[in-house]
């Protein structure tokens, strides 16, 4: 696993229960920033790696508030109290993590 992926995972671990962050938000929080797609690749790699402590990958969504990793991700978020609108989107103003 690369140092960049470790940094992405460290940021993702900071997202609190009941909040979400976007791929781009995580990428921009790094120094130097990385593209949103790199964040996506890092999270996808979790299926092939054994990372401790666990990374709450399900709390990372698209800039439109949509899940990209399927129904399991949606169920996990709903289990944390995150609501979806009729179009399947999360209100990022309500549930978005401010990074602080």
PDB file of N, CA and C in Angstrom:
ATOM      1  N   UNK A   1       0.845  -1.178   0.000  1.00  0.00           N
ATOM      2  CA  UNK A   1       0.000   0.000   0.000  1.00  0.00           C
ATOM      3  C   UNK A   1       0.890   1.241   0.000  1.00  0.00           C
ATOM      4  N   UNK A   2       0.492   2.240  -0.742  1.00  0.00           N
ATOM      5  CA  UNK A   2       1.316   3.425  -0.873  1.00  0.00           C
ATOM      6  C   UNK A   2       1.080   4.418   0.266  1.00  0.00           C
ATOM      7  N   UNK A   3       2.024   5.329   0.409  1.00  0.00           N
ATOM      8  CA  UNK A   3       1.896   6.379   1.419  1.00  0.00           C
ATOM      9  C   UNK A   3       0.681   7.249   1.121  1.00  0.00           C
ATOM     10  N   UNK A   4       0.415   7.510  -0.154  1.00  0.00           N
ATOM     11  CA  UNK A   4      -0.755   8.306  -0.527  1.00  0.00           C
ATOM     12  C   UNK A   4      -2.036   7.631  -0.079  1.00  0.00           C
ATOM     13  N   UNK A   5      -2.147   6.333  -0.302  1.00  0.00           N
ATOM     14  CA  UNK A   5      -3.335   5.613   0.143  1.00  0.00           C
ATOM     15  C   UNK A   5      -3.453   5.684   1.661  1.00  0.00           C
ATOM     16  N   UNK A   6      -2.348   5.552   2.366  1.00  0.00           N
ATOM     17  CA  UNK A   6      -2.373   5.672   3.829  1.00  0.00           C
ATOM     18  C   UNK A   6      -2.927   7.034   4.255  1.00  0.00           C
ATOM     19  N   UNK A   7      -2.524   8.085   3.548  1.00  0.00           N
ATOM     20  CA  UNK A   7      -3.013   9.428   3.870  1.00  0.00           C
ATOM     21  C   UNK A   7      -4.505   9.552   3.585  1.00  0.00           C
ATOM     22  N   UNK A   8      -4.957   8.979   2.487  1.00  0.00           N
ATOM     23  CA  UNK A   8      -6.388   8.993   2.153  1.00  0.00           C
ATOM     24  C   UNK A   8      -7.176   8.260   3.235  1.00  0.00           C
ATOM     25  N   UNK A   9      -6.685   7.103   3.648  1.00  0.00           N
ATOM     26  CA  UNK A   9      -7.372   6.329   4.681  1.00  0.00           C
ATOM     27  C   UNK A   9      -7.414   7.097   6.002  1.00  0.00           C
ATOM     28  N   UNK A  10      -6.352   7.799   6.330  1.00  0.00           N
ATOM     29  CA  UNK A  10      -6.311   8.574   7.576  1.00  0.00           C
ATOM     30  C   UNK A  10      -7.379   9.657   7.570  1.00  0.00           C
ATOM     31  N   UNK A  11      -7.563  10.324   6.441  1.00  0.00           N
ATOM     32  CA  UNK A  11      -8.609  11.349   6.352  1.00  0.00           C
ATOM     33  C   UNK A  11      -9.987  10.699   6.444  1.00  0.00           C
ATOM     34  N   UNK A  12     -10.200   9.617   5.718  1.00  0.00           N
ATOM     35  CA  UNK A  12     -11.501   8.949   5.735  1.00  0.00           C
ATOM     36  C   UNK A  12     -11.866   8.470   7.137  1.00  0.00           C
ATOM     37  N   UNK A  13     -10.884   8.068   7.920  1.00  0.00           N
ATOM     38  CA  UNK A  13     -11.159   7.617   9.290  1.00  0.00           C
ATOM     39  C   UNK A  13     -11.670   8.743  10.185  1.00  0.00           C
ATOM     40  N   UNK A  14     -11.454   9.977   9.779  1.00  0.00           N
ATOM     41  CA  UNK A  14     -11.898  11.119  10.578  1.00  0.00           C
ATOM     42  C   UNK A  14     -13.371  11.481  10.347  1.00  0.00           C
ATOM     43  N   UNK A  15     -13.981  10.945   9.302  1.00  0.00           N
ATOM     44  CA  UNK A  15     -15.377  11.271   9.006  1.00  0.00           C
ATOM     45  C   UNK A  15     -16.240  10.668  10.112  1.00  0.00           C
ATOM     46  N   UNK A  16     -16.979  11.509  10.838  1.00  0.00           N
ATOM     47  CA  UNK A  16     -17.758  10.983  11.962  1.00  0.00           C
ATOM     48  C   UNK A  16     -19.009  10.212  11.537  1.00  0.00           C
ATOM     49  N   UNK A  17     -19.468   9.399  12.432  1.00  0.00           N
ATOM     50  CA  UNK A  17     -20.717   8.663  12.260  1.00  0.00           C
ATOM     51  C   UNK A  17     -21.815   9.642  11.893  1.00  0.00           C
ATOM     52  N   UNK A  18     -22.619   9.311  10.893  1.00  0.00           N
ATOM     53  CA  UNK A  18     -23.734  10.149  10.498  1.00  0.00           C
ATOM     54  C   UNK A  18     -23.371  11.290   9.566  1.00  0.00           C
ATOM     55  N   UNK A  19     -22.126  11.301   9.083  1.00  0.00           N
ATOM     56  CA  UNK A  19     -21.671  12.334   8.149  1.00  0.00           C
ATOM     57  C   UNK A  19     -21.022  11.663   6.943  1.00  0.00           C
ATOM     58  N   UNK A  20     -20.946  12.403   5.838  1.00  0.00           N
ATOM     59  CA  UNK A  20     -20.269  11.916   4.643  1.00  0.00           C
ATOM     60  C   UNK A  20     -19.306  12.982   4.138  1.00  0.00           C
ATOM     61  N   UNK A  21     -18.334  12.547   3.353  1.00  0.00           N
ATOM     62  CA  UNK A  21     -17.414  13.444   2.661  1.00  0.00           C
ATOM     63  C   UNK A  21     -17.402  13.015   1.206  1.00  0.00           C
ATOM     64  N   UNK A  22     -16.979  13.919   0.335  1.00  0.00           N
ATOM     65  CA  UNK A  22     -16.885  13.565  -1.081  1.00  0.00           C
ATOM     66  C   UNK A  22     -15.460  13.121  -1.410  1.00  0.00           C
ATOM     67  N   UNK A  23     -15.355  12.399  -2.521  1.00  0.00           N
ATOM     68  CA  UNK A  23     -14.041  11.970  -2.989  1.00  0.00           C
ATOM     69  C   UNK A  23     -13.139  13.184  -3.190  1.00  0.00           C
ATOM     70  N   UNK A  24     -13.686  14.219  -3.822  1.00  0.00           N
ATOM     71  CA  UNK A  24     -12.915  15.424  -4.078  1.00  0.00           C
ATOM     72  C   UNK A  24     -12.506  16.149  -2.816  1.00  0.00           C
ATOM     73  N   UNK A  25     -13.389  16.176  -1.842  1.00  0.00           N
ATOM     74  CA  UNK A  25     -13.090  16.825  -0.560  1.00  0.00           C
ATOM     75  C   UNK A  25     -11.890  16.155   0.106  1.00  0.00           C
ATOM     76  N   UNK A  26     -11.875  14.841   0.092  1.00  0.00           N
ATOM     77  CA  UNK A  26     -10.749  14.123   0.684  1.00  0.00           C
ATOM     78  C   UNK A  26      -9.475  14.406  -0.108  1.00  0.00           C
ATOM     79  N   UNK A  27      -9.576  14.343  -1.418  1.00  0.00           N
ATOM     80  CA  UNK A  27      -8.409  14.607  -2.252  1.00  0.00           C
ATOM     81  C   UNK A  27      -7.836  15.999  -2.030  1.00  0.00           C
ATOM     82  N   UNK A  28      -8.692  17.000  -1.890  1.00  0.00           N
ATOM     83  CA  UNK A  28      -8.237  18.375  -1.697  1.00  0.00           C
ATOM     84  C   UNK A  28      -7.668  18.610  -0.309  1.00  0.00           C
ATOM     85  N   UNK A  29      -7.978  17.743   0.639  1.00  0.00           N
ATOM     86  CA  UNK A  29      -7.477  17.925   2.002  1.00  0.00           C
ATOM     87  C   UNK A  29      -6.027  17.468   2.163  1.00  0.00           C
ATOM     88  N   UNK A  30      -5.507  16.774   1.155  1.00  0.00           N
ATOM     89  CA  UNK A  30      -4.142  16.249   1.225  1.00  0.00           C
ATOM     90  C   UNK A  30      -3.138  17.294   0.759  1.00  0.00           C
ATOM     91  N   UNK A  31      -1.895  17.111   1.160  1.00  0.00           N
ATOM     92  CA  UNK A  31      -0.830  18.024   0.749  1.00  0.00           C
ATOM     93  C   UNK A  31       0.316  17.218   0.141  1.00  0.00           C
ATOM     94  N   UNK A  32       0.459  17.222  -1.170  1.00  0.00           N
ATOM     95  CA  UNK A  32      -0.328  17.974  -2.142  1.00  0.00           C
ATOM     96  C   UNK A  32      -1.666  17.278  -2.406  1.00  0.00           C
ATOM     97  N   UNK A  33      -2.640  18.042  -2.905  1.00  0.00           N
ATOM     98  CA  UNK A  33      -3.951  17.452  -3.222  1.00  0.00           C
ATOM     99  C   UNK A  33      -3.829  16.367  -4.284  1.00  0.00           C
ATOM    100  N   UNK A  34      -4.796  15.479  -4.295  1.00  0.00           N
ATOM    101  CA  UNK A  34      -4.842  14.453  -5.333  1.00  0.00           C
ATOM    102  C   UNK A  34      -6.241  14.455  -5.949  1.00  0.00           C
ATOM    103  N   UNK A  35      -6.379  13.907  -7.145  1.00  0.00           N
ATOM    104  CA  UNK A  35      -7.683  13.877  -7.801  1.00  0.00           C
ATOM    105  C   UNK A  35      -8.680  12.973  -7.078  1.00  0.00           C
ATOM    106  N   UNK A  36      -9.960  13.299  -7.246  1.00  0.00           N
ATOM    107  CA  UNK A  36     -11.028  12.496  -6.648  1.00  0.00           C
ATOM    108  C   UNK A  36     -10.927  11.045  -7.090  1.00  0.00           C
ATOM    109  N   UNK A  37     -10.553  10.822  -8.341  1.00  0.00           N
ATOM    110  CA  UNK A  37     -10.488   9.440  -8.828  1.00  0.00           C
ATOM    111  C   UNK A  37      -9.426   8.627  -8.086  1.00  0.00           C
ATOM    112  N   UNK A  38      -8.355   9.273  -7.648  1.00  0.00           N
ATOM    113  CA  UNK A  38      -7.333   8.576  -6.870  1.00  0.00           C
ATOM    114  C   UNK A  38      -7.898   8.135  -5.529  1.00  0.00           C
ATOM    115  N   UNK A  39      -8.723   8.971  -4.930  1.00  0.00           N
ATOM    116  CA  UNK A  39      -9.393   8.602  -3.684  1.00  0.00           C
ATOM    117  C   UNK A  39     -10.275   7.382  -3.936  1.00  0.00           C
ATOM    118  N   UNK A  40     -10.991   7.392  -5.040  1.00  0.00           N
ATOM    119  CA  UNK A  40     -11.825   6.237  -5.392  1.00  0.00           C
ATOM    120  C   UNK A  40     -11.016   4.968  -5.564  1.00  0.00           C
ATOM    121  N   UNK A  41      -9.871   5.082  -6.228  1.00  0.00           N
ATOM    122  CA  UNK A  41      -9.005   3.903  -6.403  1.00  0.00           C
ATOM    123  C   UNK A  41      -8.523   3.382  -5.056  1.00  0.00           C
ATOM    124  N   UNK A  42      -8.169   4.308  -4.160  1.00  0.00           N
ATOM    125  CA  UNK A  42      -7.690   3.895  -2.836  1.00  0.00           C
ATOM    126  C   UNK A  42      -8.781   3.153  -2.074  1.00  0.00           C
ATOM    127  N   UNK A  43      -9.997   3.673  -2.142  1.00  0.00           N
ATOM    128  CA  UNK A  43     -11.091   3.009  -1.421  1.00  0.00           C
ATOM    129  C   UNK A  43     -11.437   1.674  -2.057  1.00  0.00           C
ATOM    130  N   UNK A  44     -11.380   1.597  -3.372  1.00  0.00           N
ATOM    131  CA  UNK A  44     -11.635   0.323  -4.050  1.00  0.00           C
ATOM    132  C   UNK A  44     -10.582  -0.716  -3.676  1.00  0.00           C
ATOM    133  N   UNK A  45      -9.364  -0.269  -3.421  1.00  0.00           N
ATOM    134  CA  UNK A  45      -8.284  -1.187  -3.055  1.00  0.00           C
ATOM    135  C   UNK A  45      -8.506  -1.821  -1.686  1.00  0.00           C
ATOM    136  N   UNK A  46      -9.376  -1.239  -0.880  1.00  0.00           N
ATOM    137  CA  UNK A  46      -9.629  -1.806   0.452  1.00  0.00           C
ATOM    138  C   UNK A  46     -10.164  -3.224   0.370  1.00  0.00           C
ATOM    139  N   UNK A  47     -10.834  -3.562  -0.714  1.00  0.00           N
ATOM    140  CA  UNK A  47     -11.350  -4.916  -0.878  1.00  0.00           C
ATOM    141  C   UNK A  47     -10.253  -5.950  -1.040  1.00  0.00           C
ATOM    142  N   UNK A  48      -9.052  -5.478  -1.352  1.00  0.00           N
ATOM    143  CA  UNK A  48      -7.926  -6.396  -1.572  1.00  0.00           C
ATOM    144  C   UNK A  48      -6.869  -6.299  -0.483  1.00  0.00           C
ATOM    145  N   UNK A  49      -7.084  -5.415   0.476  1.00  0.00           N
ATOM    146  CA  UNK A  49      -6.079  -5.229   1.526  1.00  0.00           C
ATOM    147  C   UNK A  49      -6.716  -5.389   2.894  1.00  0.00           C
ATOM    148  N   UNK A  50      -5.884  -5.632   3.866  1.00  0.00           N
ATOM    149  CA  UNK A  50      -6.337  -5.778   5.243  1.00  0.00           C
ATOM    150  C   UNK A  50      -5.812  -4.571   6.009  1.00  0.00           C
ATOM    151  N   UNK A  51      -6.657  -3.559   6.206  1.00  0.00           N
ATOM    152  CA  UNK A  51      -6.237  -2.297   6.793  1.00  0.00           C
ATOM    153  C   UNK A  51      -6.791  -2.180   8.208  1.00  0.00           C
ATOM    154  N   UNK A  52      -5.915  -1.808   9.128  1.00  0.00           N
ATOM    155  CA  UNK A  52      -6.327  -1.593  10.517  1.00  0.00           C
ATOM    156  C   UNK A  52      -5.788  -0.254  10.976  1.00  0.00           C
ATOM    157  N   UNK A  53      -6.576   0.537  11.687  1.00  0.00           N
ATOM    158  CA  UNK A  53      -8.002   0.311  11.932  1.00  0.00           C
ATOM    159  C   UNK A  53      -8.805   0.404  10.644  1.00  0.00           C
ATOM    160  N   UNK A  54     -10.007  -0.145  10.666  1.00  0.00           N
ATOM    161  CA  UNK A  54     -10.843  -0.142   9.461  1.00  0.00           C
ATOM    162  C   UNK A  54     -11.104   1.273   8.946  1.00  0.00           C
ATOM    163  N   UNK A  55     -11.342   1.367   7.664  1.00  0.00           N
ATOM    164  CA  UNK A  55     -11.646   2.640   7.017  1.00  0.00           C
ATOM    165  C   UNK A  55     -13.152   2.685   6.724  1.00  0.00           C
ATOM    166  N   UNK A  56     -13.857   3.728   7.161  1.00  0.00           N
ATOM    167  CA  UNK A  56     -15.298   3.822   6.873  1.00  0.00           C
ATOM    168  C   UNK A  56     -15.544   4.278   5.432  1.00  0.00           C
ATOM    169  N   UNK A  57     -15.197   3.447   4.486  1.00  0.00           N
ATOM    170  CA  UNK A  57     -15.286   3.738   3.054  1.00  0.00           C
ATOM    171  C   UNK A  57     -16.688   4.164   2.646  1.00  0.00           C
ATOM    172  N   UNK A  58     -17.689   3.629   3.340  1.00  0.00           N
ATOM    173  CA  UNK A  58     -19.075   3.900   2.965  1.00  0.00           C
ATOM    174  C   UNK A  58     -19.475   5.354   3.186  1.00  0.00           C
ATOM    175  N   UNK A  59     -18.689   6.104   3.948  1.00  0.00           N
ATOM    176  CA  UNK A  59     -18.990   7.510   4.216  1.00  0.00           C
ATOM    177  C   UNK A  59     -18.442   8.454   3.153  1.00  0.00           C
ATOM    178  N   UNK A  60     -17.887   7.909   2.078  1.00  0.00           N
ATOM    179  CA  UNK A  60     -17.349   8.729   0.991  1.00  0.00           C
ATOM    180  C   UNK A  60     -18.282   8.581  -0.217  1.00  0.00           C
ATOM    181  N   UNK A  61     -18.767   9.723  -0.695  1.00  0.00           N
ATOM    182  CA  UNK A  61     -19.762   9.746  -1.768  1.00  0.00           C
ATOM    183  C   UNK A  61     -19.334  10.707  -2.875  1.00  0.00           C
ATOM    184  N   UNK A  62     -20.094  10.719  -3.945  1.00  0.00           N
ATOM    185  CA  UNK A  62     -19.798  11.620  -5.058  1.00  0.00           C
ATOM    186  C   UNK A  62     -20.120  13.067  -4.678  1.00  0.00           C
ATOM    187  N   UNK A  63     -19.656  13.993  -5.489  1.00  0.00           N
ATOM    188  CA  UNK A  63     -19.917  15.417  -5.266  1.00  0.00           C
ATOM    189  C   UNK A  63     -21.408  15.739  -5.382  1.00  0.00           C
ATOM    190  N   UNK A  64     -22.176  14.854  -5.996  1.00  0.00           N
ATOM    191  CA  UNK A  64     -23.621  15.033  -6.112  1.00  0.00           C
ATOM    192  C   UNK A  64     -24.382  14.373  -4.955  1.00  0.00           C
ATOM    193  N   UNK A  65     -23.639  13.792  -4.015  1.00  0.00           N
ATOM    194  CA  UNK A  65     -24.277  13.131  -2.881  1.00  0.00           C
ATOM    195  C   UNK A  65     -24.796  11.746  -3.198  1.00  0.00           C
ATOM    196  N   UNK A  66     -24.220  11.124  -4.218  1.00  0.00           N
ATOM    197  CA  UNK A  66     -24.652   9.792  -4.626  1.00  0.00           C
ATOM    198  C   UNK A  66     -23.638   8.738  -4.194  1.00  0.00           C
ATOM    199  N   UNK A  67     -24.150   7.552  -3.871  1.00  0.00           N
ATOM    200  CA  UNK A  67     -23.255   6.450  -3.552  1.00  0.00           C
ATOM    201  C   UNK A  67     -22.726   5.855  -4.847  1.00  0.00           C
ATOM    202  N   UNK A  68     -21.487   5.412  -4.822  1.00  0.00           N
ATOM    203  CA  UNK A  68     -20.844   4.827  -6.000  1.00  0.00           C
ATOM    204  C   UNK A  68     -20.513   3.354  -5.793  1.00  0.00           C
ATOM    205  N   UNK A  69     -20.762   2.846  -4.577  1.00  0.00           N
ATOM    206  CA  UNK A  69     -20.349   1.477  -4.281  1.00  0.00           C
ATOM    207  C   UNK A  69     -21.528   0.568  -3.972  1.00  0.00           C
ATOM    208  N   UNK A  70     -22.701   0.901  -4.486  1.00  0.00           N
ATOM    209  CA  UNK A  70     -23.818  -0.018  -4.445  1.00  0.00           C
ATOM    210  C   UNK A  70     -24.726   0.049  -3.228  1.00  0.00           C
ATOM    211  N   UNK A  71     -25.636  -0.903  -3.213  1.00  0.00           N
ATOM    212  CA  UNK A  71     -26.668  -0.954  -2.180  1.00  0.00           C
ATOM    213  C   UNK A  71     -26.111  -1.156  -0.781  1.00  0.00           C
ATOM    214  N   UNK A  72     -25.036  -1.905  -0.671  1.00  0.00           N
ATOM    215  CA  UNK A  72     -24.438  -2.107   0.666  1.00  0.00           C
ATOM    216  C   UNK A  72     -24.034  -0.771   1.269  1.00  0.00           C
ATOM    217  N   UNK A  73     -23.438   0.096   0.463  1.00  0.00           N
ATOM    218  CA  UNK A  73     -23.044   1.409   0.943  1.00  0.00           C
ATOM    219  C   UNK A  73     -24.271   2.188   1.405  1.00  0.00           C
ATOM    220  N   UNK A  74     -25.324   2.158   0.621  1.00  0.00           N
ATOM    221  CA  UNK A  74     -26.543   2.879   0.996  1.00  0.00           C
ATOM    222  C   UNK A  74     -27.106   2.343   2.311  1.00  0.00           C
ATOM    223  N   UNK A  75     -27.161   1.040   2.456  1.00  0.00           N
ATOM    224  CA  UNK A  75     -27.687   0.447   3.703  1.00  0.00           C
ATOM    225  C   UNK A  75     -26.853   0.858   4.912  1.00  0.00           C
ATOM    226  N   UNK A  76     -25.528   0.852   4.764  1.00  0.00           N
ATOM    227  CA  UNK A  76     -24.657   1.258   5.874  1.00  0.00           C
ATOM    228  C   UNK A  76     -24.908   2.715   6.260  1.00  0.00           C
ATOM    229  N   UNK A  77     -25.055   3.584   5.265  1.00  0.00           N
ATOM    230  CA  UNK A  77     -25.306   4.999   5.545  1.00  0.00           C
ATOM    231  C   UNK A  77     -26.674   5.197   6.191  1.00  0.00           C
ATOM    232  N   UNK A  78     -27.686   4.522   5.679  1.00  0.00           N
ATOM    233  CA  UNK A  78     -29.014   4.623   6.286  1.00  0.00           C
ATOM    234  C   UNK A  78     -28.987   4.128   7.721  1.00  0.00           C
ATOM    235  N   UNK A  79     -28.177   3.118   7.995  1.00  0.00           N
ATOM    236  CA  UNK A  79     -28.025   2.608   9.350  1.00  0.00           C
ATOM    237  C   UNK A  79     -27.407   3.623  10.296  1.00  0.00           C
ATOM    238  N   UNK A  80     -26.707   4.608   9.744  1.00  0.00           N
ATOM    239  CA  UNK A  80     -26.120   5.687  10.547  1.00  0.00           C
ATOM    240  C   UNK A  80     -27.037   6.907  10.610  1.00  0.00           C
ATOM    241  N   UNK A  81     -28.243   6.777  10.035  1.00  0.00           N
ATOM    242  CA  UNK A  81     -29.198   7.880  10.091  1.00  0.00           C
ATOM    243  C   UNK A  81     -29.124   8.850   8.931  1.00  0.00           C
ATOM    244  N   UNK A  82     -28.354   8.527   7.913  1.00  0.00           N
ATOM    245  CA  UNK A  82     -28.239   9.400   6.746  1.00  0.00           C
ATOM    246  C   UNK A  82     -29.403   9.104   5.804  1.00  0.00           C
ATOM    247  N   UNK A  83     -30.113  10.179   5.417  1.00  0.00           N
ATOM    248  CA  UNK A  83     -31.301  10.045   4.579  1.00  0.00           C
ATOM    249  C   UNK A  83     -30.972  10.326   3.118  1.00  0.00           C
ATOM    250  N   UNK A  84     -31.717   9.686   2.247  1.00  0.00           N
ATOM    251  CA  UNK A  84     -31.616   9.880   0.807  1.00  0.00           C
ATOM    252  C   UNK A  84     -32.914  10.486   0.302  1.00  0.00           C
ATOM    253  N   UNK A  85     -32.810  11.358  -0.701  1.00  0.00           N
ATOM    254  CA  UNK A  85     -34.025  11.915  -1.289  1.00  0.00           C
ATOM    255  C   UNK A  85     -34.575  10.944  -2.330  1.00  0.00           C
ATOM    256  N   UNK A  86     -35.651  11.342  -2.992  1.00  0.00           N
ATOM    257  CA  UNK A  86     -36.309  10.469  -3.962  1.00  0.00           C
ATOM    258  C   UNK A  86     -35.397  10.119  -5.130  1.00  0.00           C
ATOM    259  N   UNK A  87     -34.426  10.980  -5.430  1.00  0.00           N
ATOM    260  CA  UNK A  87     -33.487  10.720  -6.521  1.00  0.00           C
ATOM    261  C   UNK A  87     -32.293   9.881  -6.068  1.00  0.00           C
ATOM    262  N   UNK A  88     -32.261   9.492  -4.793  1.00  0.00           N
ATOM    263  CA  UNK A  88     -31.166   8.667  -4.286  1.00  0.00           C
ATOM    264  C   UNK A  88     -29.940   9.456  -3.882  1.00  0.00           C
ATOM    265  N   UNK A  89     -30.128  10.742  -3.586  1.00  0.00           N
ATOM    266  CA  UNK A  89     -29.004  11.599  -3.202  1.00  0.00           C
ATOM    267  C   UNK A  89     -29.072  11.985  -1.728  1.00  0.00           C
ATOM    268  N   UNK A  90     -27.907  12.281  -1.204  1.00  0.00           N
ATOM    269  CA  UNK A  90     -27.762  12.744   0.180  1.00  0.00           C
ATOM    270  C   UNK A  90     -27.655  14.264   0.152  1.00  0.00           C
ATOM    271  N   UNK A  91     -28.326  14.925   1.075  1.00  0.00           N
ATOM    272  CA  UNK A  91     -28.208  16.377   1.203  1.00  0.00           C
ATOM    273  C   UNK A  91     -26.868  16.671   1.876  1.00  0.00           C
ATOM    274  N   UNK A  92     -25.903  17.125   1.080  1.00  0.00           N
ATOM    275  CA  UNK A  92     -24.562  17.362   1.610  1.00  0.00           C
ATOM    276  C   UNK A  92     -24.529  18.535   2.580  1.00  0.00           C
ATOM    277  N   UNK A  93     -25.457  19.467   2.479  1.00  0.00           N
ATOM    278  CA  UNK A  93     -25.497  20.568   3.457  1.00  0.00           C
ATOM    279  C   UNK A  93     -25.898  20.038   4.830  1.00  0.00           C
ATOM    280  N   UNK A  94     -26.721  19.040   4.850  1.00  0.00           N
ATOM    281  CA  UNK A  94     -27.201  18.470   6.123  1.00  0.00           C
ATOM    282  C   UNK A  94     -26.254  17.394   6.655  1.00  0.00           C
ATOM    283  N   UNK A  95     -25.798  16.513   5.773  1.00  0.00           N
ATOM    284  CA  UNK A  95     -25.021  15.357   6.219  1.00  0.00           C
ATOM    285  C   UNK A  95     -23.532  15.440   5.870  1.00  0.00           C
ATOM    286  N   UNK A  96     -23.141  16.493   5.182  1.00  0.00           N
ATOM    287  CA  UNK A  96     -21.741  16.622   4.781  1.00  0.00           C
ATOM    288  C   UNK A  96     -20.835  16.965   5.959  1.00  0.00           C
ATOM    289  N   UNK A  97     -19.676  16.395   5.952  1.00  0.00           N
ATOM    290  CA  UNK A  97     -18.663  16.623   6.972  1.00  0.00           C
ATOM    291  C   UNK A  97     -17.903  17.882   6.616  1.00  0.00           C
ATOM    292  N   UNK A  98     -17.679  18.743   7.577  1.00  0.00           N
ATOM    293  CA  UNK A  98     -16.988  20.009   7.309  1.00  0.00           C
ATOM    294  C   UNK A  98     -15.466  19.865   7.381  1.00  0.00           C
ATOM    295  N   UNK A  99     -14.995  18.669   7.652  1.00  0.00           N
ATOM    296  CA  UNK A  99     -13.561  18.440   7.705  1.00  0.00           C
ATOM    297  C   UNK A  99     -12.925  18.805   9.023  1.00  0.00           C
ATOM    298  N   UNK A 100     -13.706  19.371   9.922  1.00  0.00           N
ATOM    299  CA  UNK A 100     -13.165  19.792  11.192  1.00  0.00           C
ATOM    300  C   UNK A 100     -13.464  18.807  12.257  1.00  0.00           C
TER     301      UNK A 100
END
